[in-house]
Amino acid sequence: MDESRESESSSILKVLIIGNSLVGKSCILLRFCDNEFVEDIGTTIGVDFRFASLTIQEEPVKLQIWDTAGQERFRTITSTYYRNADAIMIVYDITDKDSFAQVKNWFREISNNAPSNVTTILVGNKIDLENKRVISSDEGKSLAKSLRSPFIEVSAKMGDNIETAFSALTVEALKKIKPSRRRRKTTLVQFSTQPKKKCC
């Protein structure tokens, strides 16, 4: 489909994926965009982003998805990408207690840097490693409730619930976006035709 025509008729949402290093953020993005899984995908340096499309209630929606580095040394770089974000996916690894313990800190980053009406979803990744689970589903649900965020568990490796997570996030984000603002965002990105490579 012609990129400019598609953009004219589509809503554009800026989505961030954040969380500790090695929780599977890049794998989630790859699974959602390409339906692929790469075991040793490597660590994101700085920021990477991709475009993806969804249809929500018969409305075409384009997602500009930013995959951010989880390492502390990149926090200053990645914090700038919170600006104008419509939706943020906060990811932890159900086999890694520290990644779960850091979730509140990631929400603090959102509070400090993102728009006040940004939509969030808490995602527990790697449910394919059930025998190594150290964070229960109930713990995830409880934390999400305390943070007033939806919650879902997924497997980037198997593809379980990946599209559901992005769809749920998109539905809630669309409720907060005015039509005039959607058009303005479309104008900004309609000439981008190729996924950009990692920066920094």
N, C-alpha and C. Protein backbone atom coordinates (compact mmCIF):
# COMPACT_ATOMS: atom_id res chain seq x y z
N MET A 1 0.85 -1.20 0.00
CA MET A 1 0.00 0.00 0.00
C MET A 1 0.87 1.23 0.00
N ASP A 2 0.44 2.30 -0.70
CA ASP A 2 1.19 3.54 -0.74
C ASP A 2 1.30 4.12 0.66
N GLU A 3 2.53 4.45 1.06
CA GLU A 3 2.77 4.88 2.43
C GLU A 3 2.02 6.15 2.79
N SER A 4 2.04 7.14 1.88
CA SER A 4 1.38 8.40 2.20
C SER A 4 -0.12 8.23 2.31
N ARG A 5 -0.72 7.41 1.43
CA ARG A 5 -2.16 7.17 1.50
C ARG A 5 -2.53 6.45 2.77
N GLU A 6 -1.71 5.45 3.12
CA GLU A 6 -2.01 4.70 4.34
C GLU A 6 -1.95 5.61 5.55
N SER A 7 -0.95 6.51 5.59
CA SER A 7 -0.79 7.39 6.72
C SER A 7 -1.93 8.38 6.83
N GLU A 8 -2.46 8.83 5.66
CA GLU A 8 -3.55 9.78 5.67
C GLU A 8 -4.78 9.21 6.35
N SER A 9 -5.00 7.91 6.25
CA SER A 9 -6.21 7.30 6.77
C SER A 9 -5.98 6.59 8.10
N SER A 10 -4.75 6.59 8.61
CA SER A 10 -4.43 5.85 9.81
C SER A 10 -4.13 6.78 10.98
N SER A 11 -4.48 6.32 12.18
CA SER A 11 -4.00 6.98 13.38
C SER A 11 -2.55 6.56 13.58
N ILE A 12 -1.76 7.46 14.15
CA ILE A 12 -0.36 7.17 14.42
C ILE A 12 -0.13 7.25 15.92
N LEU A 13 0.36 6.17 16.51
CA LEU A 13 0.65 6.15 17.94
C LEU A 13 2.14 5.91 18.17
N LYS A 14 2.71 6.68 19.08
CA LYS A 14 4.09 6.45 19.50
C LYS A 14 4.07 5.55 20.73
N VAL A 15 4.69 4.39 20.60
CA VAL A 15 4.69 3.38 21.65
C VAL A 15 6.13 3.11 22.10
N LEU A 16 6.38 3.11 23.39
CA LEU A 16 7.69 2.76 23.93
C LEU A 16 7.63 1.39 24.59
N ILE A 17 8.72 0.64 24.47
CA ILE A 17 8.88 -0.60 25.22
C ILE A 17 10.06 -0.38 26.16
N ILE A 18 9.81 -0.44 27.47
CA ILE A 18 10.86 -0.19 28.45
C ILE A 18 10.95 -1.34 29.44
N GLY A 19 12.03 -1.36 30.21
CA GLY A 19 12.26 -2.42 31.18
C GLY A 19 13.74 -2.71 31.28
N ASN A 20 14.10 -3.53 32.24
CA ASN A 20 15.51 -3.89 32.43
C ASN A 20 16.10 -4.55 31.20
N SER A 21 17.41 -4.54 31.12
CA SER A 21 18.11 -5.24 30.05
C SER A 21 17.85 -6.74 30.15
N LEU A 22 17.71 -7.39 29.01
CA LEU A 22 17.55 -8.85 28.90
C LEU A 22 16.18 -9.39 29.30
N VAL A 23 15.19 -8.52 29.45
CA VAL A 23 13.85 -9.02 29.76
C VAL A 23 13.10 -9.47 28.50
N GLY A 24 13.65 -9.12 27.32
CA GLY A 24 13.04 -9.57 26.07
C GLY A 24 12.30 -8.50 25.29
N LYS A 25 12.65 -7.25 25.51
CA LYS A 25 11.96 -6.15 24.81
C LYS A 25 12.12 -6.25 23.30
N SER A 26 13.36 -6.46 22.85
CA SER A 26 13.62 -6.56 21.41
C SER A 26 12.95 -7.78 20.81
N CYS A 27 12.89 -8.87 21.58
CA CYS A 27 12.24 -10.09 21.09
C CYS A 27 10.73 -9.89 20.96
N ILE A 28 10.15 -9.15 21.88
CA ILE A 28 8.73 -8.83 21.79
C ILE A 28 8.45 -8.00 20.54
N LEU A 29 9.30 -7.02 20.29
CA LEU A 29 9.14 -6.18 19.10
C LEU A 29 9.28 -7.00 17.83
N LEU A 30 10.29 -7.87 17.77
CA LEU A 30 10.52 -8.69 16.59
C LEU A 30 9.36 -9.66 16.36
N ARG A 31 8.86 -10.25 17.43
CA ARG A 31 7.73 -11.18 17.30
C ARG A 31 6.49 -10.44 16.79
N PHE A 32 6.24 -9.26 17.31
CA PHE A 32 5.05 -8.52 16.91
C PHE A 32 5.14 -8.03 15.46
N CYS A 33 6.30 -7.52 15.08
CA CYS A 33 6.45 -6.93 13.74
C CYS A 33 6.67 -7.96 12.65
N ASP A 34 7.47 -8.99 12.94
CA ASP A 34 7.88 -9.95 11.91
C ASP A 34 7.45 -11.38 12.20
N ASN A 35 6.81 -11.61 13.36
CA ASN A 35 6.44 -12.96 13.78
C ASN A 35 7.65 -13.89 13.77
N GLU A 36 8.76 -13.38 14.28
CA GLU A 36 10.00 -14.15 14.36
C GLU A 36 10.55 -14.10 15.78
N PHE A 37 11.41 -15.07 16.09
CA PHE A 37 12.10 -15.08 17.37
C PHE A 37 13.55 -15.43 17.14
N VAL A 38 14.44 -14.60 17.68
CA VAL A 38 15.88 -14.84 17.58
C VAL A 38 16.42 -15.00 18.99
N GLU A 39 16.99 -16.15 19.28
CA GLU A 39 17.44 -16.46 20.64
C GLU A 39 18.48 -15.48 21.14
N ASP A 40 19.50 -15.23 20.31
CA ASP A 40 20.59 -14.34 20.71
C ASP A 40 20.50 -13.05 19.91
N ILE A 41 19.49 -12.27 20.18
CA ILE A 41 19.24 -11.07 19.39
C ILE A 41 20.20 -9.94 19.72
N GLY A 42 20.84 -9.99 20.88
CA GLY A 42 21.77 -8.94 21.26
C GLY A 42 21.07 -7.82 22.01
N THR A 43 21.86 -7.01 22.68
CA THR A 43 21.34 -5.92 23.50
C THR A 43 21.17 -4.65 22.67
N THR A 44 20.05 -3.99 22.84
CA THR A 44 19.82 -2.73 22.14
C THR A 44 20.77 -1.66 22.66
N ILE A 45 21.40 -0.95 21.74
CA ILE A 45 22.30 0.14 22.09
C ILE A 45 21.56 1.45 21.81
N GLY A 46 21.21 2.16 22.86
CA GLY A 46 20.46 3.40 22.68
C GLY A 46 19.01 3.11 22.40
N VAL A 47 18.56 3.35 21.17
CA VAL A 47 17.15 3.19 20.81
C VAL A 47 17.02 2.64 19.40
N ASP A 48 16.05 1.75 19.20
CA ASP A 48 15.71 1.25 17.87
C ASP A 48 14.21 1.46 17.70
N PHE A 49 13.73 1.58 16.46
CA PHE A 49 12.28 1.62 16.32
C PHE A 49 11.82 0.99 15.02
N ARG A 50 10.57 0.55 15.05
CA ARG A 50 9.93 -0.10 13.92
C ARG A 50 8.51 0.43 13.78
N PHE A 51 7.96 0.26 12.58
CA PHE A 51 6.55 0.54 12.35
C PHE A 51 5.78 -0.77 12.30
N ALA A 52 4.56 -0.75 12.80
CA ALA A 52 3.66 -1.89 12.69
C ALA A 52 2.24 -1.36 12.55
N SER A 53 1.35 -2.19 12.02
CA SER A 53 -0.03 -1.77 11.81
C SER A 53 -1.00 -2.72 12.49
N LEU A 54 -2.08 -2.15 13.00
CA LEU A 54 -3.16 -2.91 13.60
C LEU A 54 -4.48 -2.35 13.07
N THR A 55 -5.52 -3.16 13.15
CA THR A 55 -6.87 -2.68 12.88
C THR A 55 -7.67 -2.81 14.17
N ILE A 56 -8.12 -1.69 14.69
CA ILE A 56 -8.87 -1.67 15.94
C ILE A 56 -10.27 -1.17 15.66
N GLN A 57 -11.26 -2.03 15.85
CA GLN A 57 -12.66 -1.68 15.59
C GLN A 57 -12.82 -1.07 14.20
N GLU A 58 -12.23 -1.76 13.22
CA GLU A 58 -12.29 -1.40 11.80
C GLU A 58 -11.53 -0.11 11.48
N GLU A 59 -10.75 0.38 12.42
CA GLU A 59 -9.94 1.58 12.18
C GLU A 59 -8.47 1.18 12.04
N PRO A 60 -7.83 1.55 10.92
CA PRO A 60 -6.40 1.25 10.77
C PRO A 60 -5.57 2.13 11.70
N VAL A 61 -4.63 1.51 12.37
CA VAL A 61 -3.76 2.23 13.31
C VAL A 61 -2.32 1.86 13.02
N LYS A 62 -1.48 2.85 12.90
CA LYS A 62 -0.05 2.60 12.71
C LYS A 62 0.67 2.87 14.02
N LEU A 63 1.50 1.93 14.43
CA LEU A 63 2.29 2.08 15.65
C LEU A 63 3.74 2.36 15.29
N GLN A 64 4.28 3.39 15.89
CA GLN A 64 5.70 3.69 15.80
C GLN A 64 6.29 3.21 17.12
N ILE A 65 6.92 2.04 17.10
CA ILE A 65 7.31 1.36 18.34
C ILE A 65 8.80 1.55 18.60
N TRP A 66 9.11 2.11 19.75
CA TRP A 66 10.49 2.40 20.14
C TRP A 66 10.96 1.37 21.16
N ASP A 67 12.03 0.68 20.81
CA ASP A 67 12.66 -0.33 21.67
C ASP A 67 13.84 0.35 22.35
N THR A 68 13.77 0.53 23.67
CA THR A 68 14.78 1.30 24.39
C THR A 68 15.76 0.40 25.13
N ALA A 69 16.98 0.89 25.30
CA ALA A 69 18.00 0.16 26.06
C ALA A 69 17.64 0.15 27.54
N GLY A 70 17.90 -0.97 28.19
CA GLY A 70 17.57 -1.07 29.61
C GLY A 70 18.70 -0.72 30.54
N GLN A 71 19.92 -0.61 30.02
CA GLN A 71 21.07 -0.35 30.88
C GLN A 71 21.04 1.07 31.44
N GLU A 72 21.54 1.20 32.66
CA GLU A 72 21.54 2.48 33.35
C GLU A 72 22.26 3.56 32.56
N ARG A 73 23.35 3.20 31.88
CA ARG A 73 24.15 4.22 31.19
C ARG A 73 23.41 4.85 30.01
N PHE A 74 22.32 4.23 29.59
CA PHE A 74 21.55 4.80 28.48
C PHE A 74 20.30 5.55 28.95
N ARG A 75 20.09 5.65 30.25
CA ARG A 75 18.86 6.25 30.75
C ARG A 75 18.69 7.70 30.31
N THR A 76 19.80 8.45 30.32
CA THR A 76 19.72 9.86 29.91
C THR A 76 19.31 9.97 28.45
N ILE A 77 19.83 9.07 27.62
CA ILE A 77 19.48 9.08 26.20
C ILE A 77 18.03 8.69 26.00
N THR A 78 17.64 7.59 26.60
CA THR A 78 16.30 7.05 26.33
C THR A 78 15.19 7.85 26.98
N SER A 79 15.49 8.57 28.07
CA SER A 79 14.43 9.33 28.74
C SER A 79 13.82 10.39 27.83
N THR A 80 14.60 10.88 26.87
CA THR A 80 14.08 11.90 25.95
C THR A 80 12.99 11.34 25.04
N TYR A 81 12.96 10.03 24.86
CA TYR A 81 11.98 9.42 23.97
C TYR A 81 10.61 9.24 24.63
N TYR A 82 10.53 9.52 25.94
CA TYR A 82 9.25 9.47 26.62
C TYR A 82 8.34 10.61 26.17
N ARG A 83 8.95 11.70 25.72
CA ARG A 83 8.16 12.87 25.33
C ARG A 83 7.23 12.52 24.16
N ASN A 84 6.00 12.95 24.29
CA ASN A 84 4.98 12.73 23.26
C ASN A 84 4.62 11.26 23.06
N ALA A 85 5.01 10.41 23.99
CA ALA A 85 4.61 9.00 23.90
C ALA A 85 3.11 8.88 24.16
N ASP A 86 2.46 8.04 23.38
CA ASP A 86 1.03 7.78 23.58
C ASP A 86 0.81 6.56 24.47
N ALA A 87 1.73 5.61 24.40
CA ALA A 87 1.57 4.36 25.14
C ALA A 87 2.93 3.78 25.48
N ILE A 88 3.01 3.14 26.64
CA ILE A 88 4.27 2.56 27.09
C ILE A 88 4.02 1.15 27.62
N MET A 89 4.82 0.21 27.12
CA MET A 89 4.79 -1.17 27.57
C MET A 89 5.99 -1.39 28.51
N ILE A 90 5.70 -1.73 29.76
CA ILE A 90 6.75 -1.95 30.74
C ILE A 90 6.92 -3.46 30.89
N VAL A 91 8.11 -3.96 30.59
CA VAL A 91 8.33 -5.41 30.52
C VAL A 91 9.26 -5.87 31.65
N TYR A 92 8.89 -6.98 32.27
CA TYR A 92 9.81 -7.66 33.19
C TYR A 92 9.86 -9.13 32.80
N ASP A 93 10.83 -9.82 33.36
CA ASP A 93 11.06 -11.24 33.08
C ASP A 93 10.55 -12.04 34.27
N ILE A 94 9.62 -12.96 34.05
CA ILE A 94 9.04 -13.71 35.17
C ILE A 94 10.04 -14.63 35.85
N THR A 95 11.23 -14.80 35.26
CA THR A 95 12.27 -15.63 35.86
C THR A 95 13.36 -14.79 36.52
N ASP A 96 13.14 -13.48 36.60
CA ASP A 96 14.17 -12.56 37.11
C ASP A 96 13.55 -11.61 38.14
N LYS A 97 13.85 -11.85 39.42
CA LYS A 97 13.26 -11.04 40.49
C LYS A 97 13.65 -9.57 40.39
N ASP A 98 14.89 -9.31 40.00
CA ASP A 98 15.34 -7.92 39.95
C ASP A 98 14.58 -7.12 38.90
N SER A 99 14.30 -7.74 37.75
CA SER A 99 13.57 -7.01 36.71
C SER A 99 12.17 -6.63 37.19
N PHE A 100 11.59 -7.50 38.04
CA PHE A 100 10.27 -7.21 38.61
C PHE A 100 10.38 -6.13 39.68
N ALA A 101 11.44 -6.21 40.49
CA ALA A 101 11.64 -5.22 41.54
C ALA A 101 11.85 -3.82 40.98
N GLN A 102 12.36 -3.75 39.76
CA GLN A 102 12.65 -2.45 39.14
C GLN A 102 11.43 -1.83 38.45
N VAL A 103 10.33 -2.54 38.40
CA VAL A 103 9.15 -2.03 37.69
C VAL A 103 8.70 -0.68 38.24
N LYS A 104 8.68 -0.54 39.56
CA LYS A 104 8.25 0.74 40.15
C LYS A 104 9.16 1.87 39.73
N ASN A 105 10.46 1.58 39.60
CA ASN A 105 11.39 2.61 39.14
C ASN A 105 11.10 3.02 37.70
N TRP A 106 10.71 2.04 36.87
CA TRP A 106 10.36 2.36 35.49
C TRP A 106 9.09 3.22 35.44
N PHE A 107 8.14 2.92 36.30
CA PHE A 107 6.94 3.76 36.36
C PHE A 107 7.27 5.16 36.86
N ARG A 108 8.28 5.26 37.72
CA ARG A 108 8.73 6.58 38.17
C ARG A 108 9.33 7.36 37.00
N GLU A 109 10.07 6.66 36.14
CA GLU A 109 10.62 7.29 34.94
C GLU A 109 9.48 7.83 34.06
N ILE A 110 8.44 7.03 33.94
CA ILE A 110 7.27 7.46 33.16
C ILE A 110 6.66 8.71 33.76
N SER A 111 6.48 8.70 35.08
CA SER A 111 5.88 9.84 35.77
C SER A 111 6.70 11.11 35.58
N ASN A 112 8.02 10.94 35.56
CA ASN A 112 8.92 12.10 35.46
C ASN A 112 9.09 12.62 34.04
N ASN A 113 8.90 11.75 33.04
CA ASN A 113 9.27 12.12 31.68
C ASN A 113 8.15 12.06 30.64
N ALA A 114 7.14 11.24 30.87
CA ALA A 114 6.10 11.04 29.85
C ALA A 114 4.91 11.96 30.09
N PRO A 115 4.06 12.14 29.08
CA PRO A 115 2.83 12.93 29.26
C PRO A 115 1.96 12.34 30.37
N SER A 116 1.21 13.18 31.05
CA SER A 116 0.43 12.72 32.20
C SER A 116 -0.67 11.74 31.82
N ASN A 117 -1.13 11.79 30.57
CA ASN A 117 -2.22 10.91 30.14
C ASN A 117 -1.74 9.70 29.36
N VAL A 118 -0.45 9.39 29.43
CA VAL A 118 0.08 8.26 28.67
C VAL A 118 -0.56 6.95 29.13
N THR A 119 -0.79 6.05 28.21
CA THR A 119 -1.36 4.74 28.50
C THR A 119 -0.24 3.74 28.76
N THR A 120 -0.42 2.90 29.77
CA THR A 120 0.61 1.90 30.11
C THR A 120 0.01 0.50 30.17
N ILE A 121 0.89 -0.48 30.04
CA ILE A 121 0.53 -1.87 30.31
C ILE A 121 1.76 -2.57 30.87
N LEU A 122 1.57 -3.34 31.93
CA LEU A 122 2.66 -4.10 32.53
C LEU A 122 2.67 -5.50 31.93
N VAL A 123 3.83 -5.92 31.44
CA VAL A 123 3.95 -7.19 30.72
C VAL A 123 5.00 -8.08 31.37
N GLY A 124 4.58 -9.28 31.77
CA GLY A 124 5.51 -10.29 32.26
C GLY A 124 5.87 -11.22 31.11
N ASN A 125 7.13 -11.22 30.72
CA ASN A 125 7.58 -12.01 29.56
C ASN A 125 8.21 -13.34 29.99
N LYS A 126 8.32 -14.24 29.05
CA LYS A 126 8.98 -15.55 29.18
C LYS A 126 8.14 -16.59 29.91
N ILE A 127 6.83 -16.61 29.65
CA ILE A 127 5.99 -17.63 30.29
C ILE A 127 6.27 -19.02 29.72
N ASP A 128 7.06 -19.09 28.66
CA ASP A 128 7.49 -20.40 28.16
C ASP A 128 8.49 -21.05 29.11
N LEU A 129 9.05 -20.27 30.04
CA LEU A 129 10.00 -20.80 31.03
C LEU A 129 9.30 -20.98 32.38
N GLU A 130 8.15 -21.62 32.35
CA GLU A 130 7.33 -21.78 33.55
C GLU A 130 8.08 -22.49 34.67
N ASN A 131 8.94 -23.43 34.32
CA ASN A 131 9.69 -24.17 35.34
C ASN A 131 10.75 -23.31 36.03
N LYS A 132 11.02 -22.14 35.47
CA LYS A 132 12.00 -21.22 36.08
C LYS A 132 11.34 -19.98 36.66
N ARG A 133 10.02 -19.97 36.68
CA ARG A 133 9.27 -18.81 37.15
C ARG A 133 9.58 -18.51 38.62
N VAL A 134 9.83 -17.23 38.92
CA VAL A 134 10.02 -16.79 40.31
C VAL A 134 9.03 -15.68 40.68
N ILE A 135 8.34 -15.15 39.69
CA ILE A 135 7.32 -14.13 39.93
C ILE A 135 5.97 -14.69 39.49
N SER A 136 5.06 -14.85 40.44
CA SER A 136 3.77 -15.45 40.12
C SER A 136 2.88 -14.46 39.36
N SER A 137 1.88 -15.01 38.70
CA SER A 137 0.92 -14.16 37.99
C SER A 137 0.20 -13.24 38.96
N ASP A 138 -0.12 -13.75 40.15
CA ASP A 138 -0.81 -12.94 41.15
C ASP A 138 0.05 -11.76 41.59
N GLU A 139 1.36 -11.97 41.70
CA GLU A 139 2.25 -10.86 42.06
C GLU A 139 2.24 -9.79 40.97
N GLY A 140 2.25 -10.24 39.73
CA GLY A 140 2.20 -9.29 38.62
C GLY A 140 0.90 -8.50 38.62
N LYS A 141 -0.22 -9.22 38.81
CA LYS A 141 -1.52 -8.56 38.83
C LYS A 141 -1.62 -7.55 39.97
N SER A 142 -1.10 -7.94 41.14
CA SER A 142 -1.16 -7.07 42.31
C SER A 142 -0.36 -5.79 42.09
N LEU A 143 0.84 -5.94 41.53
CA LEU A 143 1.67 -4.77 41.27
C LEU A 143 1.00 -3.86 40.23
N ALA A 144 0.49 -4.46 39.17
CA ALA A 144 -0.17 -3.67 38.13
C ALA A 144 -1.36 -2.90 38.70
N LYS A 145 -2.12 -3.55 39.57
CA LYS A 145 -3.27 -2.90 40.18
C LYS A 145 -2.83 -1.70 41.01
N SER A 146 -1.74 -1.86 41.77
CA SER A 146 -1.25 -0.76 42.60
C SER A 146 -0.74 0.40 41.76
N LEU A 147 -0.31 0.09 40.54
CA LEU A 147 0.20 1.12 39.63
C LEU A 147 -0.87 1.60 38.65
N ARG A 148 -2.09 1.07 38.81
CA ARG A 148 -3.23 1.44 37.97
C ARG A 148 -2.94 1.18 36.49
N SER A 149 -2.42 0.01 36.25
CA SER A 149 -2.06 -0.36 34.88
C SER A 149 -2.62 -1.74 34.55
N PRO A 150 -3.06 -1.97 33.32
CA PRO A 150 -3.44 -3.32 32.90
C PRO A 150 -2.23 -4.25 32.98
N PHE A 151 -2.50 -5.54 32.99
CA PHE A 151 -1.43 -6.53 33.14
C PHE A 151 -1.67 -7.72 32.22
N ILE A 152 -0.59 -8.24 31.65
CA ILE A 152 -0.68 -9.44 30.83
C ILE A 152 0.66 -10.16 30.86
N GLU A 153 0.62 -11.48 30.75
CA GLU A 153 1.86 -12.26 30.63
C GLU A 153 1.97 -12.77 29.19
N VAL A 154 3.19 -12.80 28.68
CA VAL A 154 3.40 -13.16 27.28
C VAL A 154 4.63 -14.06 27.14
N SER A 155 4.78 -14.60 25.94
CA SER A 155 6.01 -15.30 25.56
C SER A 155 6.42 -14.80 24.18
N ALA A 156 7.52 -14.05 24.14
CA ALA A 156 8.04 -13.61 22.84
C ALA A 156 8.52 -14.82 22.04
N LYS A 157 9.02 -15.82 22.74
CA LYS A 157 9.54 -17.01 22.06
C LYS A 157 8.44 -17.78 21.35
N MET A 158 7.32 -18.00 22.03
CA MET A 158 6.23 -18.78 21.47
C MET A 158 5.17 -17.92 20.77
N GLY A 159 5.21 -16.64 21.03
CA GLY A 159 4.23 -15.73 20.43
C GLY A 159 2.96 -15.55 21.25
N ASP A 160 2.89 -16.18 22.41
CA ASP A 160 1.68 -16.14 23.22
C ASP A 160 1.37 -14.72 23.71
N ASN A 161 0.17 -14.25 23.40
CA ASN A 161 -0.38 -12.99 23.91
C ASN A 161 0.34 -11.73 23.43
N ILE A 162 1.26 -11.85 22.49
CA ILE A 162 2.00 -10.67 22.03
C ILE A 162 1.05 -9.68 21.34
N GLU A 163 0.30 -10.16 20.36
CA GLU A 163 -0.62 -9.26 19.66
C GLU A 163 -1.71 -8.76 20.59
N THR A 164 -2.15 -9.61 21.51
CA THR A 164 -3.17 -9.20 22.48
C THR A 164 -2.67 -8.03 23.32
N ALA A 165 -1.41 -8.09 23.73
CA ALA A 165 -0.84 -7.02 24.55
C ALA A 165 -0.81 -5.70 23.80
N PHE A 166 -0.34 -5.73 22.55
CA PHE A 166 -0.28 -4.51 21.76
C PHE A 166 -1.68 -3.99 21.43
N SER A 167 -2.60 -4.90 21.16
CA SER A 167 -3.97 -4.48 20.85
C SER A 167 -4.62 -3.80 22.05
N ALA A 168 -4.46 -4.40 23.23
CA ALA A 168 -5.04 -3.83 24.44
C ALA A 168 -4.46 -2.44 24.73
N LEU A 169 -3.16 -2.32 24.55
CA LEU A 169 -2.49 -1.03 24.77
C LEU A 169 -3.00 0.02 23.78
N THR A 170 -3.15 -0.40 22.53
CA THR A 170 -3.60 0.52 21.48
C THR A 170 -5.03 0.98 21.71
N VAL A 171 -5.90 0.07 22.07
CA VAL A 171 -7.31 0.41 22.32
C VAL A 171 -7.42 1.50 23.38
N GLU A 172 -6.69 1.32 24.49
CA GLU A 172 -6.76 2.29 25.57
C GLU A 172 -6.13 3.62 25.17
N ALA A 173 -5.04 3.58 24.41
CA ALA A 173 -4.38 4.82 23.98
C ALA A 173 -5.28 5.62 23.05
N LEU A 174 -5.98 4.93 22.16
CA LEU A 174 -6.85 5.63 21.20
C LEU A 174 -7.96 6.41 21.89
N LYS A 175 -8.39 5.92 23.03
CA LYS A 175 -9.47 6.60 23.76
C LYS A 175 -9.04 7.99 24.24
N LYS A 176 -7.74 8.18 24.38
CA LYS A 176 -7.23 9.44 24.94
C LYS A 176 -6.76 10.44 23.89
N ILE A 177 -6.81 10.03 22.63
CA ILE A 177 -6.25 10.87 21.57
C ILE A 177 -7.35 11.58 20.80
N LYS A 178 -7.24 12.88 20.71
CA LYS A 178 -8.21 13.67 19.95
C LYS A 178 -7.94 13.53 18.45
N PRO A 179 -8.98 13.55 17.62
CA PRO A 179 -8.80 13.42 16.16
C PRO A 179 -7.83 14.43 15.58
N SER A 180 -7.86 15.68 16.04
CA SER A 180 -6.97 16.71 15.49
C SER A 180 -5.51 16.37 15.77
N ARG A 181 -5.25 15.79 16.93
CA ARG A 181 -3.88 15.43 17.28
C ARG A 181 -3.40 14.25 16.47
N ARG A 182 -4.30 13.32 16.14
CA ARG A 182 -3.94 12.19 15.28
C ARG A 182 -3.47 12.68 13.92
N ARG A 183 -4.17 13.62 13.36
CA ARG A 183 -3.79 14.14 12.05
C ARG A 183 -2.43 14.83 12.10
N ARG A 184 -2.17 15.55 13.19
CA ARG A 184 -0.90 16.24 13.32
C ARG A 184 0.25 15.25 13.38
N LYS A 185 0.07 14.16 14.11
CA LYS A 185 1.12 13.15 14.21
C LYS A 185 1.33 12.46 12.87
N THR A 186 0.25 12.25 12.12
CA THR A 186 0.36 11.62 10.81
C THR A 186 1.25 12.43 9.88
N THR A 187 1.06 13.74 9.88
CA THR A 187 1.85 14.62 9.02
C THR A 187 3.34 14.49 9.30
N LEU A 188 3.69 14.26 10.55
CA LEU A 188 5.09 14.21 10.94
C LEU A 188 5.80 12.97 10.43
N VAL A 189 5.07 11.86 10.26
CA VAL A 189 5.76 10.61 9.96
C VAL A 189 5.39 9.99 8.62
N GLN A 190 4.54 10.63 7.85
CA GLN A 190 4.02 9.96 6.67
C GLN A 190 5.08 9.69 5.59
N PHE A 191 6.24 10.35 5.65
CA PHE A 191 7.25 10.14 4.63
C PHE A 191 8.26 9.06 5.02
N SER A 192 8.16 8.50 6.22
CA SER A 192 9.07 7.44 6.64
C SER A 192 8.58 6.13 6.06
N THR A 193 9.41 5.50 5.22
CA THR A 193 8.97 4.29 4.53
C THR A 193 9.76 3.06 4.94
N GLN A 194 10.88 3.24 5.63
CA GLN A 194 11.70 2.10 6.01
C GLN A 194 11.94 2.12 7.51
N PRO A 195 11.99 0.93 8.15
CA PRO A 195 12.35 0.89 9.57
C PRO A 195 13.74 1.47 9.76
N LYS A 196 13.89 2.32 10.78
CA LYS A 196 15.20 2.91 11.02
C LYS A 196 16.07 1.97 11.84
N LYS A 197 17.37 2.13 11.70
CA LYS A 197 18.32 1.29 12.41
C LYS A 197 18.60 1.89 13.78
N LYS A 198 19.35 1.15 14.57
CA LYS A 198 19.69 1.60 15.90
C LYS A 198 20.53 2.87 15.84
N CYS A 199 20.29 3.77 16.81
CA CYS A 199 21.10 4.97 16.88
C CYS A 199 21.95 4.93 18.14
N CYS A 200 22.96 5.79 18.17
CA CYS A 200 23.85 5.94 19.32
C CYS A 200 24.75 4.73 19.52
